[in-house]
């Protein structure tokens, strides 16, 4: 389950920013996660609670903003939305899609004390 290591990375970022900016508690974390990032949202929620136990983010709310998968179809030259990798183009049925968005995993916003 790589979501555990992802949450450990998020916690490390929170701790680094707390040291630099002087906050001592994280109340809410907003994460942007793309549909094509290969992240299980429910596993991420579970791991976040486990990883942040007894840290500055203990009990923090995790708000997840899911971003759609976006691709460029090389066959019909259109920007198309997909829900998973290797989907066919909904316009032409082609499989030559170049991912242009939806692979993100980033901290968008924090609420801190």
PDB file of N, CA and C in Angstrom:
ATOM      1  N   UNK A   1       0.856  -1.180   0.000  1.00  0.00           N
ATOM      2  CA  UNK A   1       0.000   0.000   0.000  1.00  0.00           C
ATOM      3  C   UNK A   1       0.899   1.240   0.000  1.00  0.00           C
ATOM      4  N   UNK A   2       1.071   1.857  -1.157  1.00  0.00           N
ATOM      5  CA  UNK A   2       1.948   3.022  -1.243  1.00  0.00           C
ATOM      6  C   UNK A   2       1.311   4.273  -0.670  1.00  0.00           C
ATOM      7  N   UNK A   3       0.021   4.237  -0.370  1.00  0.00           N
ATOM      8  CA  UNK A   3      -0.633   5.400   0.241  1.00  0.00           C
ATOM      9  C   UNK A   3      -0.011   5.736   1.594  1.00  0.00           C
ATOM     10  N   UNK A   4       0.496   4.709   2.295  1.00  0.00           N
ATOM     11  CA  UNK A   4       1.153   4.949   3.582  1.00  0.00           C
ATOM     12  C   UNK A   4       2.392   5.818   3.389  1.00  0.00           C
ATOM     13  N   UNK A   5       3.216   5.496   2.415  1.00  0.00           N
ATOM     14  CA  UNK A   5       4.417   6.306   2.175  1.00  0.00           C
ATOM     15  C   UNK A   5       4.055   7.689   1.646  1.00  0.00           C
ATOM     16  N   UNK A   6       2.972   7.784   0.876  1.00  0.00           N
ATOM     17  CA  UNK A   6       2.519   9.103   0.422  1.00  0.00           C
ATOM     18  C   UNK A   6       2.112   9.968   1.611  1.00  0.00           C
ATOM     19  N   UNK A   7       1.396   9.386   2.558  1.00  0.00           N
ATOM     20  CA  UNK A   7       0.976  10.132   3.752  1.00  0.00           C
ATOM     21  C   UNK A   7       2.180  10.511   4.614  1.00  0.00           C
ATOM     22  N   UNK A   8       3.172   9.636   4.671  1.00  0.00           N
ATOM     23  CA  UNK A   8       4.395   9.984   5.399  1.00  0.00           C
ATOM     24  C   UNK A   8       5.084  11.181   4.748  1.00  0.00           C
ATOM     25  N   UNK A   9       5.068  11.226   3.433  1.00  0.00           N
ATOM     26  CA  UNK A   9       5.626  12.375   2.722  1.00  0.00           C
ATOM     27  C   UNK A   9       4.847  13.649   2.990  1.00  0.00           C
ATOM     28  N   UNK A  10       3.518  13.551   3.020  1.00  0.00           N
ATOM     29  CA  UNK A  10       2.686  14.715   3.345  1.00  0.00           C
ATOM     30  C   UNK A  10       3.006  15.199   4.758  1.00  0.00           C
ATOM     31  N   UNK A  11       3.118  14.278   5.704  1.00  0.00           N
ATOM     32  CA  UNK A  11       3.441  14.660   7.084  1.00  0.00           C
ATOM     33  C   UNK A  11       4.799  15.347   7.150  1.00  0.00           C
ATOM     34  N   UNK A  12       5.771  14.851   6.410  1.00  0.00           N
ATOM     35  CA  UNK A  12       7.094  15.472   6.403  1.00  0.00           C
ATOM     36  C   UNK A  12       7.014  16.916   5.889  1.00  0.00           C
ATOM     37  N   UNK A  13       6.223  17.134   4.859  1.00  0.00           N
ATOM     38  CA  UNK A  13       6.031  18.489   4.333  1.00  0.00           C
ATOM     39  C   UNK A  13       5.373  19.377   5.388  1.00  0.00           C
ATOM     40  N   UNK A  14       4.364  18.852   6.075  1.00  0.00           N
ATOM     41  CA  UNK A  14       3.697  19.616   7.133  1.00  0.00           C
ATOM     42  C   UNK A  14       4.677  19.991   8.235  1.00  0.00           C
ATOM     43  N   UNK A  15       5.504  19.041   8.658  1.00  0.00           N
ATOM     44  CA  UNK A  15       6.480  19.310   9.720  1.00  0.00           C
ATOM     45  C   UNK A  15       7.518  20.327   9.275  1.00  0.00           C
ATOM     46  N   UNK A  16       7.978  20.220   8.030  1.00  0.00           N
ATOM     47  CA  UNK A  16       8.952  21.183   7.503  1.00  0.00           C
ATOM     48  C   UNK A  16       8.374  22.599   7.476  1.00  0.00           C
ATOM     49  N   UNK A  17       7.135  22.722   7.020  1.00  0.00           N
ATOM     50  CA  UNK A  17       6.501  24.042   6.956  1.00  0.00           C
ATOM     51  C   UNK A  17       6.173  24.576   8.351  1.00  0.00           C
ATOM     52  N   UNK A  18       5.853  23.692   9.280  1.00  0.00           N
ATOM     53  CA  UNK A  18       5.602  24.127  10.656  1.00  0.00           C
ATOM     54  C   UNK A  18       6.869  24.717  11.262  1.00  0.00           C
ATOM     55  N   UNK A  19       8.009  24.086  11.001  1.00  0.00           N
ATOM     56  CA  UNK A  19       9.277  24.596  11.520  1.00  0.00           C
ATOM     57  C   UNK A  19       9.616  25.955  10.904  1.00  0.00           C
ATOM     58  N   UNK A  20       9.343  26.132   9.628  1.00  0.00           N
ATOM     59  CA  UNK A  20       9.663  27.383   8.940  1.00  0.00           C
ATOM     60  C   UNK A  20       8.681  28.504   9.275  1.00  0.00           C
ATOM     61  N   UNK A  21       7.389  28.159   9.406  1.00  0.00           N
ATOM     62  CA  UNK A  21       6.359  29.185   9.544  1.00  0.00           C
ATOM     63  C   UNK A  21       5.841  29.344  10.971  1.00  0.00           C
ATOM     64  N   UNK A  22       6.241  28.457  11.874  1.00  0.00           N
ATOM     65  CA  UNK A  22       5.917  28.633  13.277  1.00  0.00           C
ATOM     66  C   UNK A  22       4.539  28.179  13.727  1.00  0.00           C
ATOM     67  N   UNK A  23       3.843  27.348  12.960  1.00  0.00           N
ATOM     68  CA  UNK A  23       2.572  26.840  13.461  1.00  0.00           C
ATOM     69  C   UNK A  23       2.804  25.532  14.215  1.00  0.00           C
ATOM     70  N   UNK A  24       1.895  25.228  15.126  1.00  0.00           N
ATOM     71  CA  UNK A  24       2.080  24.062  15.987  1.00  0.00           C
ATOM     72  C   UNK A  24       1.001  23.002  15.809  1.00  0.00           C
ATOM     73  N   UNK A  25      -0.038  23.342  15.082  1.00  0.00           N
ATOM     74  CA  UNK A  25      -1.143  22.395  14.921  1.00  0.00           C
ATOM     75  C   UNK A  25      -1.738  22.544  13.521  1.00  0.00           C
ATOM     76  N   UNK A  26      -2.048  21.411  12.922  1.00  0.00           N
ATOM     77  CA  UNK A  26      -2.721  21.388  11.632  1.00  0.00           C
ATOM     78  C   UNK A  26      -4.154  20.951  11.873  1.00  0.00           C
ATOM     79  N   UNK A  27      -5.098  21.770  11.450  1.00  0.00           N
ATOM     80  CA  UNK A  27      -6.528  21.469  11.633  1.00  0.00           C
ATOM     81  C   UNK A  27      -7.120  20.751  10.410  1.00  0.00           C
ATOM     82  N   UNK A  28      -6.772  21.242   9.216  1.00  0.00           N
ATOM     83  CA  UNK A  28      -7.328  20.672   7.986  1.00  0.00           C
ATOM     84  C   UNK A  28      -6.262  20.680   6.900  1.00  0.00           C
ATOM     85  N   UNK A  29      -6.233  19.610   6.127  1.00  0.00           N
ATOM     86  CA  UNK A  29      -5.348  19.500   4.964  1.00  0.00           C
ATOM     87  C   UNK A  29      -6.223  19.242   3.747  1.00  0.00           C
ATOM     88  N   UNK A  30      -6.057  20.069   2.721  1.00  0.00           N
ATOM     89  CA  UNK A  30      -6.741  19.856   1.454  1.00  0.00           C
ATOM     90  C   UNK A  30      -5.723  19.293   0.474  1.00  0.00           C
ATOM     91  N   UNK A  31      -6.002  18.098  -0.035  1.00  0.00           N
ATOM     92  CA  UNK A  31      -5.137  17.466  -1.024  1.00  0.00           C
ATOM     93  C   UNK A  31      -5.852  17.404  -2.362  1.00  0.00           C
ATOM     94  N   UNK A  32      -5.130  17.726  -3.418  1.00  0.00           N
ATOM     95  CA  UNK A  32      -5.630  17.506  -4.769  1.00  0.00           C
ATOM     96  C   UNK A  32      -5.044  16.180  -5.255  1.00  0.00           C
ATOM     97  N   UNK A  33      -5.932  15.282  -5.669  1.00  0.00           N
ATOM     98  CA  UNK A  33      -5.490  13.984  -6.159  1.00  0.00           C
ATOM     99  C   UNK A  33      -6.147  13.738  -7.508  1.00  0.00           C
ATOM    100  N   UNK A  34      -5.335  13.546  -8.521  1.00  0.00           N
ATOM    101  CA  UNK A  34      -5.848  13.282  -9.858  1.00  0.00           C
ATOM    102  C   UNK A  34      -6.339  11.852  -9.999  1.00  0.00           C
ATOM    103  N   UNK A  35      -7.342  11.660 -10.830  1.00  0.00           N
ATOM    104  CA  UNK A  35      -7.893  10.323 -11.060  1.00  0.00           C
ATOM    105  C   UNK A  35      -6.874   9.367 -11.658  1.00  0.00           C
ATOM    106  N   UNK A  36      -5.856   9.888 -12.303  1.00  0.00           N
ATOM    107  CA  UNK A  36      -4.842   9.047 -12.936  1.00  0.00           C
ATOM    108  C   UNK A  36      -3.574   8.937 -12.094  1.00  0.00           C
ATOM    109  N   UNK A  37      -3.617   9.386 -10.846  1.00  0.00           N
ATOM    110  CA  UNK A  37      -2.439   9.372  -9.980  1.00  0.00           C
ATOM    111  C   UNK A  37      -2.149   7.996  -9.389  1.00  0.00           C
ATOM    112  N   UNK A  38      -3.088   7.081  -9.510  1.00  0.00           N
ATOM    113  CA  UNK A  38      -2.872   5.746  -8.967  1.00  0.00           C
ATOM    114  C   UNK A  38      -2.998   5.696  -7.453  1.00  0.00           C
ATOM    115  N   UNK A  39      -3.815   6.576  -6.902  1.00  0.00           N
ATOM    116  CA  UNK A  39      -4.002   6.663  -5.452  1.00  0.00           C
ATOM    117  C   UNK A  39      -5.428   6.250  -5.111  1.00  0.00           C
ATOM    118  N   UNK A  40      -5.554   5.323  -4.181  1.00  0.00           N
ATOM    119  CA  UNK A  40      -6.870   4.933  -3.669  1.00  0.00           C
ATOM    120  C   UNK A  40      -7.263   5.936  -2.591  1.00  0.00           C
ATOM    121  N   UNK A  41      -8.319   6.687  -2.829  1.00  0.00           N
ATOM    122  CA  UNK A  41      -8.721   7.774  -1.942  1.00  0.00           C
ATOM    123  C   UNK A  41      -9.045   7.250  -0.529  1.00  0.00           C
ATOM    124  N   UNK A  42      -9.787   6.172  -0.430  1.00  0.00           N
ATOM    125  CA  UNK A  42     -10.153   5.646   0.896  1.00  0.00           C
ATOM    126  C   UNK A  42      -8.931   5.126   1.645  1.00  0.00           C
ATOM    127  N   UNK A  43      -8.002   4.506   0.930  1.00  0.00           N
ATOM    128  CA  UNK A  43      -6.756   4.056   1.561  1.00  0.00           C
ATOM    129  C   UNK A  43      -5.948   5.262   2.044  1.00  0.00           C
ATOM    130  N   UNK A  44      -5.980   6.336   1.283  1.00  0.00           N
ATOM    131  CA  UNK A  44      -5.276   7.563   1.663  1.00  0.00           C
ATOM    132  C   UNK A  44      -5.858   8.129   2.951  1.00  0.00           C
ATOM    133  N   UNK A  45      -7.168   8.137   3.068  1.00  0.00           N
ATOM    134  CA  UNK A  45      -7.824   8.625   4.292  1.00  0.00           C
ATOM    135  C   UNK A  45      -7.421   7.782   5.501  1.00  0.00           C
ATOM    136  N   UNK A  46      -7.457   6.471   5.336  1.00  0.00           N
ATOM    137  CA  UNK A  46      -7.099   5.566   6.426  1.00  0.00           C
ATOM    138  C   UNK A  46      -5.645   5.774   6.848  1.00  0.00           C
ATOM    139  N   UNK A  47      -4.755   5.813   5.870  1.00  0.00           N
ATOM    140  CA  UNK A  47      -3.326   5.970   6.159  1.00  0.00           C
ATOM    141  C   UNK A  47      -3.022   7.328   6.776  1.00  0.00           C
ATOM    142  N   UNK A  48      -3.706   8.365   6.330  1.00  0.00           N
ATOM    143  CA  UNK A  48      -3.484   9.701   6.884  1.00  0.00           C
ATOM    144  C   UNK A  48      -3.763   9.705   8.382  1.00  0.00           C
ATOM    145  N   UNK A  49      -4.880   9.102   8.784  1.00  0.00           N
ATOM    146  CA  UNK A  49      -5.207   9.039  10.209  1.00  0.00           C
ATOM    147  C   UNK A  49      -4.155   8.253  10.985  1.00  0.00           C
ATOM    148  N   UNK A  50      -3.670   7.168  10.413  1.00  0.00           N
ATOM    149  CA  UNK A  50      -2.667   6.340  11.096  1.00  0.00           C
ATOM    150  C   UNK A  50      -1.325   7.057  11.191  1.00  0.00           C
ATOM    151  N   UNK A  51      -0.893   7.678  10.113  1.00  0.00           N
ATOM    152  CA  UNK A  51       0.426   8.327  10.072  1.00  0.00           C
ATOM    153  C   UNK A  51       0.472   9.577  10.945  1.00  0.00           C
ATOM    154  N   UNK A  52      -0.624  10.304  11.039  1.00  0.00           N
ATOM    155  CA  UNK A  52      -0.605  11.579  11.771  1.00  0.00           C
ATOM    156  C   UNK A  52      -0.886  11.420  13.270  1.00  0.00           C
ATOM    157  N   UNK A  53      -1.147  10.204  13.712  1.00  0.00           N
ATOM    158  CA  UNK A  53      -1.398   9.965  15.141  1.00  0.00           C
ATOM    159  C   UNK A  53      -0.203  10.462  15.961  1.00  0.00           C
ATOM    160  N   UNK A  54      -0.480  11.231  17.016  1.00  0.00           N
ATOM    161  CA  UNK A  54       0.536  11.783  17.926  1.00  0.00           C
ATOM    162  C   UNK A  54       1.535  12.719  17.220  1.00  0.00           C
ATOM    163  N   UNK A  55       1.067  13.436  16.197  1.00  0.00           N
ATOM    164  CA  UNK A  55       1.894  14.437  15.516  1.00  0.00           C
ATOM    165  C   UNK A  55       1.153  15.773  15.532  1.00  0.00           C
ATOM    166  N   UNK A  56       1.732  16.782  14.929  1.00  0.00           N
ATOM    167  CA  UNK A  56       1.074  18.080  14.867  1.00  0.00           C
ATOM    168  C   UNK A  56      -0.212  18.050  14.054  1.00  0.00           C
ATOM    169  N   UNK A  57      -0.443  16.971  13.298  1.00  0.00           N
ATOM    170  CA  UNK A  57      -1.659  16.847  12.497  1.00  0.00           C
ATOM    171  C   UNK A  57      -2.620  15.798  13.060  1.00  0.00           C
ATOM    172  N   UNK A  58      -2.394  15.388  14.299  1.00  0.00           N
ATOM    173  CA  UNK A  58      -3.282  14.393  14.920  1.00  0.00           C
ATOM    174  C   UNK A  58      -4.705  14.940  14.976  1.00  0.00           C
ATOM    175  N   UNK A  59      -5.642  14.191  14.426  1.00  0.00           N
ATOM    176  CA  UNK A  59      -7.042  14.611  14.405  1.00  0.00           C
ATOM    177  C   UNK A  59      -7.394  15.597  13.312  1.00  0.00           C
ATOM    178  N   UNK A  60      -6.446  15.938  12.465  1.00  0.00           N
ATOM    179  CA  UNK A  60      -6.720  16.890  11.379  1.00  0.00           C
ATOM    180  C   UNK A  60      -7.693  16.287  10.375  1.00  0.00           C
ATOM    181  N   UNK A  61      -8.540  17.134   9.834  1.00  0.00           N
ATOM    182  CA  UNK A  61      -9.456  16.705   8.776  1.00  0.00           C
ATOM    183  C   UNK A  61      -8.687  16.634   7.466  1.00  0.00           C
ATOM    184  N   UNK A  62      -8.968  15.608   6.697  1.00  0.00           N
ATOM    185  CA  UNK A  62      -8.366  15.472   5.374  1.00  0.00           C
ATOM    186  C   UNK A  62      -9.462  15.663   4.343  1.00  0.00           C
ATOM    187  N   UNK A  63      -9.344  16.738   3.582  1.00  0.00           N
ATOM    188  CA  UNK A  63     -10.300  17.041   2.509  1.00  0.00           C
ATOM    189  C   UNK A  63      -9.617  16.709   1.192  1.00  0.00           C
ATOM    190  N   UNK A  64     -10.237  15.863   0.405  1.00  0.00           N
ATOM    191  CA  UNK A  64      -9.645  15.442  -0.863  1.00  0.00           C
ATOM    192  C   UNK A  64     -10.447  16.018  -2.021  1.00  0.00           C
ATOM    193  N   UNK A  65      -9.726  16.703  -2.891  1.00  0.00           N
ATOM    194  CA  UNK A  65     -10.307  17.271  -4.103  1.00  0.00           C
ATOM    195  C   UNK A  65      -9.853  16.381  -5.250  1.00  0.00           C
ATOM    196  N   UNK A  66     -10.791  15.664  -5.834  1.00  0.00           N
ATOM    197  CA  UNK A  66     -10.449  14.757  -6.924  1.00  0.00           C
ATOM    198  C   UNK A  66     -10.455  15.519  -8.254  1.00  0.00           C
ATOM    199  N   UNK A  67      -9.349  15.427  -8.967  1.00  0.00           N
ATOM    200  CA  UNK A  67      -9.203  16.099 -10.259  1.00  0.00           C
ATOM    201  C   UNK A  67      -9.419  15.090 -11.377  1.00  0.00           C
ATOM    202  N   UNK A  68     -10.127  15.476 -12.426  1.00  0.00           N
ATOM    203  CA  UNK A  68     -10.398  14.542 -13.514  1.00  0.00           C
ATOM    204  C   UNK A  68      -9.147  14.230 -14.331  1.00  0.00           C
ATOM    205  N   UNK A  69      -9.151  13.053 -14.917  1.00  0.00           N
ATOM    206  CA  UNK A  69      -8.087  12.695 -15.850  1.00  0.00           C
ATOM    207  C   UNK A  69      -8.322  13.402 -17.171  1.00  0.00           C
ATOM    208  N   UNK A  70      -7.292  14.011 -17.709  1.00  0.00           N
ATOM    209  CA  UNK A  70      -7.382  14.738 -18.977  1.00  0.00           C
ATOM    210  C   UNK A  70      -6.326  14.199 -19.933  1.00  0.00           C
ATOM    211  N   UNK A  71      -6.724  14.002 -21.174  1.00  0.00           N
ATOM    212  CA  UNK A  71      -5.787  13.530 -22.189  1.00  0.00           C
ATOM    213  C   UNK A  71      -5.997  14.290 -23.499  1.00  0.00           C
ATOM    214  N   UNK A  72      -4.999  14.201 -24.352  1.00  0.00           N
ATOM    215  CA  UNK A  72      -5.081  14.741 -25.709  1.00  0.00           C
ATOM    216  C   UNK A  72      -5.087  13.541 -26.643  1.00  0.00           C
ATOM    217  N   UNK A  73      -6.132  13.448 -27.463  1.00  0.00           N
ATOM    218  CA  UNK A  73      -6.231  12.350 -28.420  1.00  0.00           C
ATOM    219  C   UNK A  73      -5.417  12.705 -29.660  1.00  0.00           C
ATOM    220  N   UNK A  74      -4.429  11.888 -29.965  1.00  0.00           N
ATOM    221  CA  UNK A  74      -3.580  12.139 -31.119  1.00  0.00           C
ATOM    222  C   UNK A  74      -4.293  11.841 -32.434  1.00  0.00           C
ATOM    223  N   UNK A  75      -5.332  11.011 -32.381  1.00  0.00           N
ATOM    224  CA  UNK A  75      -6.047  10.657 -33.606  1.00  0.00           C
ATOM    225  C   UNK A  75      -7.064  11.722 -34.023  1.00  0.00           C
ATOM    226  N   UNK A  76      -7.856  12.221 -33.079  1.00  0.00           N
ATOM    227  CA  UNK A  76      -8.895  13.193 -33.455  1.00  0.00           C
ATOM    228  C   UNK A  76      -8.562  14.619 -32.997  1.00  0.00           C
ATOM    229  N   UNK A  77      -7.406  14.795 -32.370  1.00  0.00           N
ATOM    230  CA  UNK A  77      -6.923  16.118 -31.942  1.00  0.00           C
ATOM    231  C   UNK A  77      -7.915  16.842 -31.035  1.00  0.00           C
ATOM    232  N   UNK A  78      -8.398  16.130 -30.014  1.00  0.00           N
ATOM    233  CA  UNK A  78      -9.309  16.725 -29.043  1.00  0.00           C
ATOM    234  C   UNK A  78      -8.814  16.452 -27.626  1.00  0.00           C
ATOM    235  N   UNK A  79      -9.113  17.404 -26.753  1.00  0.00           N
ATOM    236  CA  UNK A  79      -8.880  17.228 -25.319  1.00  0.00           C
ATOM    237  C   UNK A  79     -10.049  16.410 -24.781  1.00  0.00           C
ATOM    238  N   UNK A  80      -9.770  15.277 -24.139  1.00  0.00           N
ATOM    239  CA  UNK A  80     -10.847  14.415 -23.649  1.00  0.00           C
ATOM    240  C   UNK A  80     -10.602  14.008 -22.204  1.00  0.00           C
ATOM    241  N   UNK A  81     -11.699  13.825 -21.482  1.00  0.00           N
ATOM    242  CA  UNK A  81     -11.637  13.364 -20.098  1.00  0.00           C
ATOM    243  C   UNK A  81     -11.683  11.841 -20.071  1.00  0.00           C
ATOM    244  N   UNK A  82     -10.879  11.247 -19.201  1.00  0.00           N
ATOM    245  CA  UNK A  82     -10.881   9.798 -18.992  1.00  0.00           C
ATOM    246  C   UNK A  82     -10.889   9.530 -17.496  1.00  0.00           C
ATOM    247  N   UNK A  83     -11.365   8.360 -17.122  1.00  0.00           N
ATOM    248  CA  UNK A  83     -11.412   8.011 -15.700  1.00  0.00           C
ATOM    249  C   UNK A  83     -10.288   7.079 -15.298  1.00  0.00           C
ATOM    250  N   UNK A  84      -9.659   6.434 -16.287  1.00  0.00           N
ATOM    251  CA  UNK A  84      -8.510   5.579 -15.985  1.00  0.00           C
ATOM    252  C   UNK A  84      -7.590   5.510 -17.192  1.00  0.00           C
ATOM    253  N   UNK A  85      -6.362   5.129 -16.924  1.00  0.00           N
ATOM    254  CA  UNK A  85      -5.390   4.995 -18.009  1.00  0.00           C
ATOM    255  C   UNK A  85      -5.863   3.919 -18.981  1.00  0.00           C
ATOM    256  N   UNK A  86      -5.497   4.073 -20.202  1.00  0.00           N
ATOM    257  CA  UNK A  86      -5.791   3.118 -21.269  1.00  0.00           C
ATOM    258  C   UNK A  86      -7.265   3.073 -21.663  1.00  0.00           C
ATOM    259  N   UNK A  87      -8.042   4.083 -21.236  1.00  0.00           N
ATOM    260  CA  UNK A  87      -9.399   4.228 -21.763  1.00  0.00           C
ATOM    261  C   UNK A  87      -9.303   4.620 -23.238  1.00  0.00           C
ATOM    262  N   UNK A  88     -10.338   4.301 -23.976  1.00  0.00           N
ATOM    263  CA  UNK A  88     -10.415   4.738 -25.371  1.00  0.00           C
ATOM    264  C   UNK A  88     -10.941   6.168 -25.426  1.00  0.00           C
ATOM    265  N   UNK A  89     -10.622   6.861 -26.484  1.00  0.00           N
ATOM    266  CA  UNK A  89     -11.158   8.207 -26.706  1.00  0.00           C
ATOM    267  C   UNK A  89     -12.671   8.104 -26.864  1.00  0.00           C
ATOM    268  N   UNK A  90     -13.420   8.896 -26.106  1.00  0.00           N
ATOM    269  CA  UNK A  90     -14.874   8.831 -26.218  1.00  0.00           C
ATOM    270  C   UNK A  90     -15.410   9.383 -27.543  1.00  0.00           C
ATOM    271  N   UNK A  91     -14.578  10.088 -28.297  1.00  0.00           N
ATOM    272  CA  UNK A  91     -15.016  10.662 -29.576  1.00  0.00           C
ATOM    273  C   UNK A  91     -14.744   9.730 -30.757  1.00  0.00           C
ATOM    274  N   UNK A  92     -13.516   9.217 -30.832  1.00  0.00           N
ATOM    275  CA  UNK A  92     -13.147   8.430 -32.014  1.00  0.00           C
ATOM    276  C   UNK A  92     -12.854   6.963 -31.711  1.00  0.00           C
ATOM    277  N   UNK A  93     -12.748   6.621 -30.422  1.00  0.00           N
ATOM    278  CA  UNK A  93     -12.462   5.237 -30.051  1.00  0.00           C
ATOM    279  C   UNK A  93     -10.988   4.880 -30.100  1.00  0.00           C
ATOM    280  N   UNK A  94     -10.154   5.844 -30.430  1.00  0.00           N
ATOM    281  CA  UNK A  94      -8.713   5.587 -30.513  1.00  0.00           C
ATOM    282  C   UNK A  94      -8.065   5.438 -29.146  1.00  0.00           C
ATOM    283  N   UNK A  95      -6.885   4.815 -29.145  1.00  0.00           N
ATOM    284  CA  UNK A  95      -6.155   4.586 -27.893  1.00  0.00           C
ATOM    285  C   UNK A  95      -4.857   5.373 -27.812  1.00  0.00           C
ATOM    286  N   UNK A  96      -4.638   6.266 -28.734  1.00  0.00           N
ATOM    287  CA  UNK A  96      -3.423   7.082 -28.711  1.00  0.00           C
ATOM    288  C   UNK A  96      -3.702   8.366 -27.933  1.00  0.00           C
ATOM    289  N   UNK A  97      -3.742   8.219 -26.604  1.00  0.00           N
ATOM    290  CA  UNK A  97      -4.053   9.349 -25.730  1.00  0.00           C
ATOM    291  C   UNK A  97      -2.817   9.735 -24.933  1.00  0.00           C
ATOM    292  N   UNK A  98      -2.544  11.017 -24.917  1.00  0.00           N
ATOM    293  CA  UNK A  98      -1.422  11.552 -24.144  1.00  0.00           C
ATOM    294  C   UNK A  98      -2.006  12.242 -22.919  1.00  0.00           C
ATOM    295  N   UNK A  99      -1.568  11.805 -21.735  1.00  0.00           N
ATOM    296  CA  UNK A  99      -2.076  12.376 -20.484  1.00  0.00           C
ATOM    297  C   UNK A  99      -1.614  13.820 -20.357  1.00  0.00           C
ATOM    298  N   UNK A 100      -2.571  14.717 -20.073  1.00  0.00           N
ATOM    299  CA  UNK A 100      -2.253  16.138 -19.879  1.00  0.00           C
ATOM    300  C   UNK A 100      -2.655  16.634 -18.492  1.00  0.00           C
ATOM    301  N   UNK A 101      -3.384  15.826 -17.737  1.00  0.00           N
ATOM    302  CA  UNK A 101      -3.789  16.229 -16.394  1.00  0.00           C
ATOM    303  C   UNK A 101      -4.428  15.070 -15.655  1.00  0.00           C
ATOM    304  N   UNK A 102      -4.441  15.186 -14.343  1.00  0.00           N
ATOM    305  CA  UNK A 102      -5.051  14.150 -13.526  1.00  0.00           C
ATOM    306  C   UNK A 102      -4.055  13.231 -12.858  1.00  0.00           C
ATOM    307  N   UNK A 103      -2.771  13.538 -12.972  1.00  0.00           N
ATOM    308  CA  UNK A 103      -1.736  12.742 -12.307  1.00  0.00           C
ATOM    309  C   UNK A 103      -1.254  13.406 -11.012  1.00  0.00           C
ATOM    310  N   UNK A 104      -1.868  14.515 -10.647  1.00  0.00           N
ATOM    311  CA  UNK A 104      -1.403  15.325  -9.535  1.00  0.00           C
ATOM    312  C   UNK A 104      -1.663  14.673  -8.179  1.00  0.00           C
ATOM    313  N   UNK A 105      -0.783  14.979  -7.263  1.00  0.00           N
ATOM    314  CA  UNK A 105      -0.983  14.717  -5.843  1.00  0.00           C
ATOM    315  C   UNK A 105      -0.245  15.849  -5.142  1.00  0.00           C
ATOM    316  N   UNK A 106      -1.010  16.808  -4.638  1.00  0.00           N
ATOM    317  CA  UNK A 106      -0.360  17.970  -4.010  1.00  0.00           C
ATOM    318  C   UNK A 106      -1.222  18.524  -2.890  1.00  0.00           C
ATOM    319  N   UNK A 107      -0.531  19.173  -1.972  1.00  0.00           N
ATOM    320  CA  UNK A 107      -1.216  19.874  -0.887  1.00  0.00           C
ATOM    321  C   UNK A 107      -1.682  21.204  -1.461  1.00  0.00           C
ATOM    322  N   UNK A 108      -2.985  21.405  -1.439  1.00  0.00           N
ATOM    323  CA  UNK A 108      -3.545  22.639  -1.994  1.00  0.00           C
ATOM    324  C   UNK A 108      -3.640  23.725  -0.936  1.00  0.00           C
ATOM    325  N   UNK A 109      -4.045  23.337   0.285  1.00  0.00           N
ATOM    326  CA  UNK A 109      -4.304  24.339   1.322  1.00  0.00           C
ATOM    327  C   UNK A 109      -4.198  23.688   2.689  1.00  0.00           C
ATOM    328  N   UNK A 110      -3.891  24.503   3.683  1.00  0.00           N
ATOM    329  CA  UNK A 110      -3.812  24.053   5.067  1.00  0.00           C
ATOM    330  C   UNK A 110      -4.574  25.032   5.969  1.00  0.00           C
ATOM    331  N   UNK A 111      -5.181  24.501   7.008  1.00  0.00           N
ATOM    332  CA  UNK A 111      -5.718  25.320   8.091  1.00  0.00           C
ATOM    333  C   UNK A 111      -4.885  24.962   9.320  1.00  0.00           C
ATOM    334  N   UNK A 112      -4.215  25.948   9.885  1.00  0.00           N
ATOM    335  CA  UNK A 112      -3.271  25.696  10.976  1.00  0.00           C
ATOM    336  C   UNK A 112      -3.482  26.666  12.137  1.00  0.00           C
ATOM    337  N   UNK A 113      -2.944  26.295  13.278  1.00  0.00           N
ATOM    338  CA  UNK A 113      -2.900  27.188  14.454  1.00  0.00           C
ATOM    339  C   UNK A 113      -1.454  27.494  14.801  1.00  0.00           C
TER     340      UNK A 113
END
